[in-house]
Amino acid sequence: MHMGALASAAGLLPPAPRNLARSFAVALSLTRVALLAHWVSDVVAGFMLGIVVERLFRPFTMAKSRQRQRKGSGDSHD
């Protein structure tokens, strides 16, 4: 779940750090399967749950104010 939330929250970062964070999250999640610590379905479900939870909590975090800052400065990282 944590890695899904990390990958989702990384969408707020500039492209290079965003790609690094998402790659890290996917790689770490895949190690759980490779080490036979979890089934693939468990990892996928946890990843998706992390994304959903992060998106639900995003309005209550600094993400909202950061989006306003980007719009106000005209600087777009997407």
PDB file of N, CA and C in Angstrom:
ATOM      1  N   MET A   1       0.825  -1.186   0.000  1.00  0.00           N
ATOM      2  CA  MET A   1       0.000   0.000   0.000  1.00  0.00           C
ATOM      3  C   MET A   1       0.873   1.257   0.000  1.00  0.00           C
ATOM      4  N   HIS A   2       1.961   1.226   0.747  1.00  0.00           N
ATOM      5  CA  HIS A   2       2.810   2.403   0.845  1.00  0.00           C
ATOM      6  C   HIS A   2       3.423   2.777  -0.504  1.00  0.00           C
ATOM      7  N   MET A   3       3.806   1.790  -1.264  1.00  0.00           N
ATOM      8  CA  MET A   3       4.453   2.076  -2.547  1.00  0.00           C
ATOM      9  C   MET A   3       3.459   2.658  -3.549  1.00  0.00           C
ATOM     10  N   GLY A   4       2.210   2.230  -3.491  1.00  0.00           N
ATOM     11  CA  GLY A   4       1.185   2.810  -4.356  1.00  0.00           C
ATOM     12  C   GLY A   4       0.946   4.267  -4.010  1.00  0.00           C
ATOM     13  N   ALA A   5       0.923   4.556  -2.719  1.00  0.00           N
ATOM     14  CA  ALA A   5       0.745   5.940  -2.275  1.00  0.00           C
ATOM     15  C   ALA A   5       1.942   6.789  -2.689  1.00  0.00           C
ATOM     16  N   LEU A   6       3.142   6.220  -2.580  1.00  0.00           N
ATOM     17  CA  LEU A   6       4.343   6.948  -3.001  1.00  0.00           C
ATOM     18  C   LEU A   6       4.297   7.251  -4.495  1.00  0.00           C
ATOM     19  N   ALA A   7       3.953   6.255  -5.288  1.00  0.00           N
ATOM     20  CA  ALA A   7       3.897   6.442  -6.742  1.00  0.00           C
ATOM     21  C   ALA A   7       2.850   7.481  -7.123  1.00  0.00           C
ATOM     22  N   SER A   8       1.722   7.464  -6.428  1.00  0.00           N
ATOM     23  CA  SER A   8       0.663   8.426  -6.717  1.00  0.00           C
ATOM     24  C   SER A   8       1.080   9.837  -6.318  1.00  0.00           C
ATOM     25  N   ALA A   9       1.639   9.971  -5.124  1.00  0.00           N
ATOM     26  CA  ALA A   9       2.073  11.292  -4.644  1.00  0.00           C
ATOM     27  C   ALA A   9       3.212  11.848  -5.493  1.00  0.00           C
ATOM     28  N   ALA A  10       3.988  10.981  -6.107  1.00  0.00           N
ATOM     29  CA  ALA A  10       5.102  11.424  -6.947  1.00  0.00           C
ATOM     30  C   ALA A  10       4.618  12.223  -8.149  1.00  0.00           C
ATOM     31  N   GLY A  11       3.347  12.111  -8.481  1.00  0.00           N
ATOM     32  CA  GLY A  11       2.789  12.883  -9.579  1.00  0.00           C
ATOM     33  C   GLY A  11       2.883  14.377  -9.360  1.00  0.00           C
ATOM     34  N   LEU A  12       3.126  14.794  -8.132  1.00  0.00           N
ATOM     35  CA  LEU A  12       3.261  16.217  -7.820  1.00  0.00           C
ATOM     36  C   LEU A  12       4.680  16.724  -8.031  1.00  0.00           C
ATOM     37  N   LEU A  13       5.607  15.821  -8.302  1.00  0.00           N
ATOM     38  CA  LEU A  13       7.010  16.194  -8.472  1.00  0.00           C
ATOM     39  C   LEU A  13       7.326  16.537  -9.923  1.00  0.00           C
ATOM     40  N   PRO A  14       8.437  17.231 -10.147  1.00  0.00           N
ATOM     41  CA  PRO A  14       8.910  17.453 -11.525  1.00  0.00           C
ATOM     42  C   PRO A  14       9.236  16.103 -12.181  1.00  0.00           C
ATOM     43  N   PRO A  15       9.330  16.051 -13.507  1.00  0.00           N
ATOM     44  CA  PRO A  15       9.466  14.780 -14.220  1.00  0.00           C
ATOM     45  C   PRO A  15      10.596  13.855 -13.758  1.00  0.00           C
ATOM     46  N   ALA A  16      11.805  14.345 -13.576  1.00  0.00           N
ATOM     47  CA  ALA A  16      12.922  13.453 -13.219  1.00  0.00           C
ATOM     48  C   ALA A  16      12.726  12.790 -11.852  1.00  0.00           C
ATOM     49  N   PRO A  17      12.456  13.556 -10.784  1.00  0.00           N
ATOM     50  CA  PRO A  17      12.224  12.912  -9.490  1.00  0.00           C
ATOM     51  C   PRO A  17      10.952  12.046  -9.487  1.00  0.00           C
ATOM     52  N   ARG A  18       9.959  12.469 -10.257  1.00  0.00           N
ATOM     53  CA  ARG A  18       8.715  11.693 -10.343  1.00  0.00           C
ATOM     54  C   ARG A  18       9.005  10.312 -10.919  1.00  0.00           C
ATOM     55  N   ASN A  19       9.743  10.264 -12.004  1.00  0.00           N
ATOM     56  CA  ASN A  19      10.065   8.973 -12.626  1.00  0.00           C
ATOM     57  C   ASN A  19      10.918   8.108 -11.710  1.00  0.00           C
ATOM     58  N   LEU A  20      11.850   8.724 -11.001  1.00  0.00           N
ATOM     59  CA  LEU A  20      12.696   7.991 -10.066  1.00  0.00           C
ATOM     60  C   LEU A  20      11.857   7.387  -8.931  1.00  0.00           C
ATOM     61  N   ALA A  21      10.968   8.190  -8.350  1.00  0.00           N
ATOM     62  CA  ALA A  21      10.131   7.707  -7.252  1.00  0.00           C
ATOM     63  C   ALA A  21       9.199   6.590  -7.713  1.00  0.00           C
ATOM     64  N   ARG A  22       8.616   6.747  -8.879  1.00  0.00           N
ATOM     65  CA  ARG A  22       7.711   5.702  -9.389  1.00  0.00           C
ATOM     66  C   ARG A  22       8.467   4.430  -9.729  1.00  0.00           C
ATOM     67  N   SER A  23       9.653   4.562 -10.303  1.00  0.00           N
ATOM     68  CA  SER A  23      10.469   3.376 -10.603  1.00  0.00           C
ATOM     69  C   SER A  23      10.859   2.648  -9.326  1.00  0.00           C
ATOM     70  N   PHE A  24      11.241   3.412  -8.311  1.00  0.00           N
ATOM     71  CA  PHE A  24      11.585   2.835  -7.014  1.00  0.00           C
ATOM     72  C   PHE A  24      10.399   2.083  -6.424  1.00  0.00           C
ATOM     73  N   ALA A  25       9.226   2.677  -6.482  1.00  0.00           N
ATOM     74  CA  ALA A  25       8.031   2.054  -5.918  1.00  0.00           C
ATOM     75  C   ALA A  25       7.700   0.743  -6.636  1.00  0.00           C
ATOM     76  N   VAL A  26       7.768   0.748  -7.955  1.00  0.00           N
ATOM     77  CA  VAL A  26       7.472  -0.466  -8.720  1.00  0.00           C
ATOM     78  C   VAL A  26       8.535  -1.531  -8.446  1.00  0.00           C
ATOM     79  N   ALA A  27       9.804  -1.147  -8.468  1.00  0.00           N
ATOM     80  CA  ALA A  27      10.880  -2.110  -8.230  1.00  0.00           C
ATOM     81  C   ALA A  27      10.768  -2.752  -6.854  1.00  0.00           C
ATOM     82  N   LEU A  28      10.514  -1.940  -5.841  1.00  0.00           N
ATOM     83  CA  LEU A  28      10.390  -2.475  -4.491  1.00  0.00           C
ATOM     84  C   LEU A  28       9.184  -3.397  -4.373  1.00  0.00           C
ATOM     85  N   SER A  29       8.104  -3.038  -5.031  1.00  0.00           N
ATOM     86  CA  SER A  29       6.911  -3.887  -5.016  1.00  0.00           C
ATOM     87  C   SER A  29       7.190  -5.231  -5.690  1.00  0.00           C
ATOM     88  N   LEU A  30       7.938  -5.199  -6.780  1.00  0.00           N
ATOM     89  CA  LEU A  30       8.258  -6.449  -7.487  1.00  0.00           C
ATOM     90  C   LEU A  30       9.162  -7.359  -6.666  1.00  0.00           C
ATOM     91  N   THR A  31       9.998  -6.767  -5.810  1.00  0.00           N
ATOM     92  CA  THR A  31      10.849  -7.614  -4.968  1.00  0.00           C
ATOM     93  C   THR A  31      10.021  -8.436  -3.995  1.00  0.00           C
ATOM     94  N   ARG A  32       8.864  -7.934  -3.601  1.00  0.00           N
ATOM     95  CA  ARG A  32       8.006  -8.683  -2.681  1.00  0.00           C
ATOM     96  C   ARG A  32       7.541  -9.987  -3.322  1.00  0.00           C
ATOM     97  N   VAL A  33       7.293  -9.948  -4.621  1.00  0.00           N
ATOM     98  CA  VAL A  33       6.885 -11.153  -5.347  1.00  0.00           C
ATOM     99  C   VAL A  33       8.097 -12.050  -5.571  1.00  0.00           C
ATOM    100  N   ALA A  34       9.212 -11.446  -5.975  1.00  0.00           N
ATOM    101  CA  ALA A  34      10.422 -12.223  -6.257  1.00  0.00           C
ATOM    102  C   ALA A  34      10.919 -12.970  -5.017  1.00  0.00           C
ATOM    103  N   LEU A  35      10.755 -12.373  -3.852  1.00  0.00           N
ATOM    104  CA  LEU A  35      11.184 -13.007  -2.604  1.00  0.00           C
ATOM    105  C   LEU A  35      10.130 -13.952  -2.035  1.00  0.00           C
ATOM    106  N   LEU A  36       9.048 -14.117  -2.793  1.00  0.00           N
ATOM    107  CA  LEU A  36       7.921 -14.971  -2.381  1.00  0.00           C
ATOM    108  C   LEU A  36       7.302 -14.517  -1.065  1.00  0.00           C
ATOM    109  N   ALA A  37       7.385 -13.217  -0.789  1.00  0.00           N
ATOM    110  CA  ALA A  37       6.787 -12.658   0.421  1.00  0.00           C
ATOM    111  C   ALA A  37       5.295 -12.381   0.215  1.00  0.00           C
ATOM    112  N   HIS A  38       4.889 -12.147  -1.047  1.00  0.00           N
ATOM    113  CA  HIS A  38       3.485 -11.863  -1.363  1.00  0.00           C
ATOM    114  C   HIS A  38       3.141 -12.452  -2.720  1.00  0.00           C
ATOM    115  N   TRP A  39       1.854 -12.709  -2.920  1.00  0.00           N
ATOM    116  CA  TRP A  39       1.360 -13.093  -4.237  1.00  0.00           C
ATOM    117  C   TRP A  39       1.270 -11.830  -5.101  1.00  0.00           C
ATOM    118  N   VAL A  40       1.303 -12.007  -6.402  1.00  0.00           N
ATOM    119  CA  VAL A  40       1.183 -10.876  -7.333  1.00  0.00           C
ATOM    120  C   VAL A  40      -0.117 -10.121  -7.060  1.00  0.00           C
ATOM    121  N   SER A  41      -1.193 -10.857  -6.846  1.00  0.00           N
ATOM    122  CA  SER A  41      -2.490 -10.205  -6.606  1.00  0.00           C
ATOM    123  C   SER A  41      -2.456  -9.346  -5.345  1.00  0.00           C
ATOM    124  N   ASP A  42      -1.746  -9.783  -4.321  1.00  0.00           N
ATOM    125  CA  ASP A  42      -1.616  -8.993  -3.091  1.00  0.00           C
ATOM    126  C   ASP A  42      -0.887  -7.679  -3.356  1.00  0.00           C
ATOM    127  N   VAL A  43       0.190  -7.768  -4.131  1.00  0.00           N
ATOM    128  CA  VAL A  43       0.993  -6.579  -4.433  1.00  0.00           C
ATOM    129  C   VAL A  43       0.187  -5.599  -5.278  1.00  0.00           C
ATOM    130  N   VAL A  44      -0.503  -6.107  -6.284  1.00  0.00           N
ATOM    131  CA  VAL A  44      -1.311  -5.233  -7.149  1.00  0.00           C
ATOM    132  C   VAL A  44      -2.440  -4.588  -6.351  1.00  0.00           C
ATOM    133  N   ALA A  45      -3.120  -5.380  -5.532  1.00  0.00           N
ATOM    134  CA  ALA A  45      -4.214  -4.834  -4.718  1.00  0.00           C
ATOM    135  C   ALA A  45      -3.692  -3.782  -3.735  1.00  0.00           C
ATOM    136  N   GLY A  46      -2.557  -4.036  -3.108  1.00  0.00           N
ATOM    137  CA  GLY A  46      -1.971  -3.069  -2.181  1.00  0.00           C
ATOM    138  C   GLY A  46      -1.540  -1.796  -2.882  1.00  0.00           C
ATOM    139  N   PHE A  47      -0.978  -1.938  -4.079  1.00  0.00           N
ATOM    140  CA  PHE A  47      -0.555  -0.786  -4.859  1.00  0.00           C
ATOM    141  C   PHE A  47      -1.766   0.082  -5.207  1.00  0.00           C
ATOM    142  N   MET A  48      -2.828  -0.561  -5.672  1.00  0.00           N
ATOM    143  CA  MET A  48      -4.046   0.168  -6.043  1.00  0.00           C
ATOM    144  C   MET A  48      -4.690   0.823  -4.812  1.00  0.00           C
ATOM    145  N   LEU A  49      -4.713   0.113  -3.704  1.00  0.00           N
ATOM    146  CA  LEU A  49      -5.276   0.682  -2.479  1.00  0.00           C
ATOM    147  C   LEU A  49      -4.473   1.903  -2.035  1.00  0.00           C
ATOM    148  N   GLY A  50      -3.162   1.827  -2.154  1.00  0.00           N
ATOM    149  CA  GLY A  50      -2.318   2.970  -1.811  1.00  0.00           C
ATOM    150  C   GLY A  50      -2.616   4.181  -2.667  1.00  0.00           C
ATOM    151  N   ILE A  51      -2.825   3.947  -3.960  1.00  0.00           N
ATOM    152  CA  ILE A  51      -3.156   5.049  -4.869  1.00  0.00           C
ATOM    153  C   ILE A  51      -4.484   5.680  -4.473  1.00  0.00           C
ATOM    154  N   VAL A  52      -5.474   4.845  -4.211  1.00  0.00           N
ATOM    155  CA  VAL A  52      -6.805   5.349  -3.842  1.00  0.00           C
ATOM    156  C   VAL A  52      -6.739   6.146  -2.536  1.00  0.00           C
ATOM    157  N   VAL A  53      -6.061   5.617  -1.543  1.00  0.00           N
ATOM    158  CA  VAL A  53      -5.960   6.302  -0.247  1.00  0.00           C
ATOM    159  C   VAL A  53      -5.232   7.639  -0.397  1.00  0.00           C
ATOM    160  N   GLU A  54      -4.120   7.641  -1.154  1.00  0.00           N
ATOM    161  CA  GLU A  54      -3.386   8.898  -1.348  1.00  0.00           C
ATOM    162  C   GLU A  54      -4.254   9.926  -2.054  1.00  0.00           C
ATOM    163  N   ARG A  55      -4.999   9.509  -3.052  1.00  0.00           N
ATOM    164  CA  ARG A  55      -5.854  10.454  -3.784  1.00  0.00           C
ATOM    165  C   ARG A  55      -6.999  10.970  -2.908  1.00  0.00           C
ATOM    166  N   LEU A  56      -7.511  10.130  -2.022  1.00  0.00           N
ATOM    167  CA  LEU A  56      -8.577  10.575  -1.117  1.00  0.00           C
ATOM    168  C   LEU A  56      -8.063  11.596  -0.101  1.00  0.00           C
ATOM    169  N   PHE A  57      -6.832  11.413   0.355  1.00  0.00           N
ATOM    170  CA  PHE A  57      -6.264  12.319   1.350  1.00  0.00           C
ATOM    171  C   PHE A  57      -5.582  13.534   0.744  1.00  0.00           C
ATOM    172  N   ARG A  58      -5.345  13.524  -0.536  1.00  0.00           N
ATOM    173  CA  ARG A  58      -4.624  14.631  -1.187  1.00  0.00           C
ATOM    174  C   ARG A  58      -5.271  15.994  -0.920  1.00  0.00           C
ATOM    175  N   PRO A  59      -6.586  16.126  -0.962  1.00  0.00           N
ATOM    176  CA  PRO A  59      -7.182  17.454  -0.702  1.00  0.00           C
ATOM    177  C   PRO A  59      -6.893  17.994   0.697  1.00  0.00           C
ATOM    178  N   PHE A  60      -6.556  17.108   1.636  1.00  0.00           N
ATOM    179  CA  PHE A  60      -6.302  17.532   3.004  1.00  0.00           C
ATOM    180  C   PHE A  60      -4.825  17.777   3.277  1.00  0.00           C
ATOM    181  N   THR A  61      -4.006  17.671   2.250  1.00  0.00           N
ATOM    182  CA  THR A  61      -2.559  17.841   2.415  1.00  0.00           C
ATOM    183  C   THR A  61      -2.089  19.112   1.714  1.00  0.00           C
ATOM    184  N   MET A  62      -0.817  19.303   1.663  1.00  0.00           N
ATOM    185  CA  MET A  62      -0.240  20.475   1.009  1.00  0.00           C
ATOM    186  C   MET A  62      -0.362  20.404  -0.511  1.00  0.00           C
ATOM    187  N   ALA A  63      -0.788  19.280  -1.029  1.00  0.00           N
ATOM    188  CA  ALA A  63      -0.873  19.124  -2.481  1.00  0.00           C
ATOM    189  C   ALA A  63      -1.777  20.180  -3.100  1.00  0.00           C
ATOM    190  N   LYS A  64      -2.858  20.480  -2.442  1.00  0.00           N
ATOM    191  CA  LYS A  64      -3.802  21.446  -2.985  1.00  0.00           C
ATOM    192  C   LYS A  64      -3.162  22.830  -3.091  1.00  0.00           C
ATOM    193  N   SER A  65      -2.456  23.258  -2.060  1.00  0.00           N
ATOM    194  CA  SER A  65      -1.825  24.575  -2.113  1.00  0.00           C
ATOM    195  C   SER A  65      -0.684  24.589  -3.124  1.00  0.00           C
ATOM    196  N   ARG A  66      -0.009  23.476  -3.276  1.00  0.00           N
ATOM    197  CA  ARG A  66       1.075  23.410  -4.266  1.00  0.00           C
ATOM    198  C   ARG A  66       0.524  23.523  -5.682  1.00  0.00           C
ATOM    199  N   GLN A  67      -0.638  22.934  -5.938  1.00  0.00           N
ATOM    200  CA  GLN A  67      -1.265  23.041  -7.257  1.00  0.00           C
ATOM    201  C   GLN A  67      -1.631  24.491  -7.538  1.00  0.00           C
ATOM    202  N   ARG A  68      -2.110  25.203  -6.521  1.00  0.00           N
ATOM    203  CA  ARG A  68      -2.444  26.618  -6.689  1.00  0.00           C
ATOM    204  C   ARG A  68      -1.195  27.430  -7.003  1.00  0.00           C
ATOM    205  N   GLN A  69      -0.077  27.116  -6.351  1.00  0.00           N
ATOM    206  CA  GLN A  69       1.188  27.822  -6.591  1.00  0.00           C
ATOM    207  C   GLN A  69       1.612  27.637  -8.040  1.00  0.00           C
ATOM    208  N   ARG A  70       1.491  26.427  -8.568  1.00  0.00           N
ATOM    209  CA  ARG A  70       1.887  26.157  -9.949  1.00  0.00           C
ATOM    210  C   ARG A  70       1.038  26.950 -10.923  1.00  0.00           C
ATOM    211  N   LYS A  71      -0.271  27.002 -10.681  1.00  0.00           N
ATOM    212  CA  LYS A  71      -1.165  27.753 -11.575  1.00  0.00           C
ATOM    213  C   LYS A  71      -0.860  29.238 -11.526  1.00  0.00           C
ATOM    214  N   GLY A  72      -0.566  29.722 -10.328  1.00  0.00           N
ATOM    215  CA  GLY A  72      -0.288  31.156 -10.167  1.00  0.00           C
ATOM    216  C   GLY A  72       1.011  31.590 -10.806  1.00  0.00           C
ATOM    217  N   SER A  73       2.003  30.723 -10.824  1.00  0.00           N
ATOM    218  CA  SER A  73       3.307  31.099 -11.394  1.00  0.00           C
ATOM    219  C   SER A  73       3.401  30.797 -12.873  1.00  0.00           C
ATOM    220  N   GLY A  74       2.432  30.049 -13.389  1.00  0.00           N
ATOM    221  CA  GLY A  74       2.455  29.698 -14.813  1.00  0.00           C
ATOM    222  C   GLY A  74       3.468  28.624 -15.129  1.00  0.00           C
ATOM    223  N   ASP A  75       4.119  28.060 -14.108  1.00  0.00           N
ATOM    224  CA  ASP A  75       5.116  27.015 -14.283  1.00  0.00           C
ATOM    225  C   ASP A  75       4.430  25.662 -14.244  1.00  0.00           C
ATOM    226  N   SER A  76       4.539  24.905 -15.303  1.00  0.00           N
ATOM    227  CA  SER A  76       3.910  23.605 -15.376  1.00  0.00           C
ATOM    228  C   SER A  76       4.967  22.517 -15.476  1.00  0.00           C
ATOM    229  N   HIS A  77       4.897  21.518 -14.597  1.00  0.00           N
ATOM    230  CA  HIS A  77       5.861  20.421 -14.595  1.00  0.00           C
ATOM    231  C   HIS A  77       5.293  19.186 -15.262  1.00  0.00           C
ATOM    232  N   ASP A  78       4.088  19.219 -15.796  1.00  0.00           N
ATOM    233  CA  ASP A  78       3.477  18.008 -16.391  1.00  0.00           C
ATOM    234  C   ASP A  78       3.683  17.928 -17.870  1.00  0.00           C
TER     235      ASP A  78
END
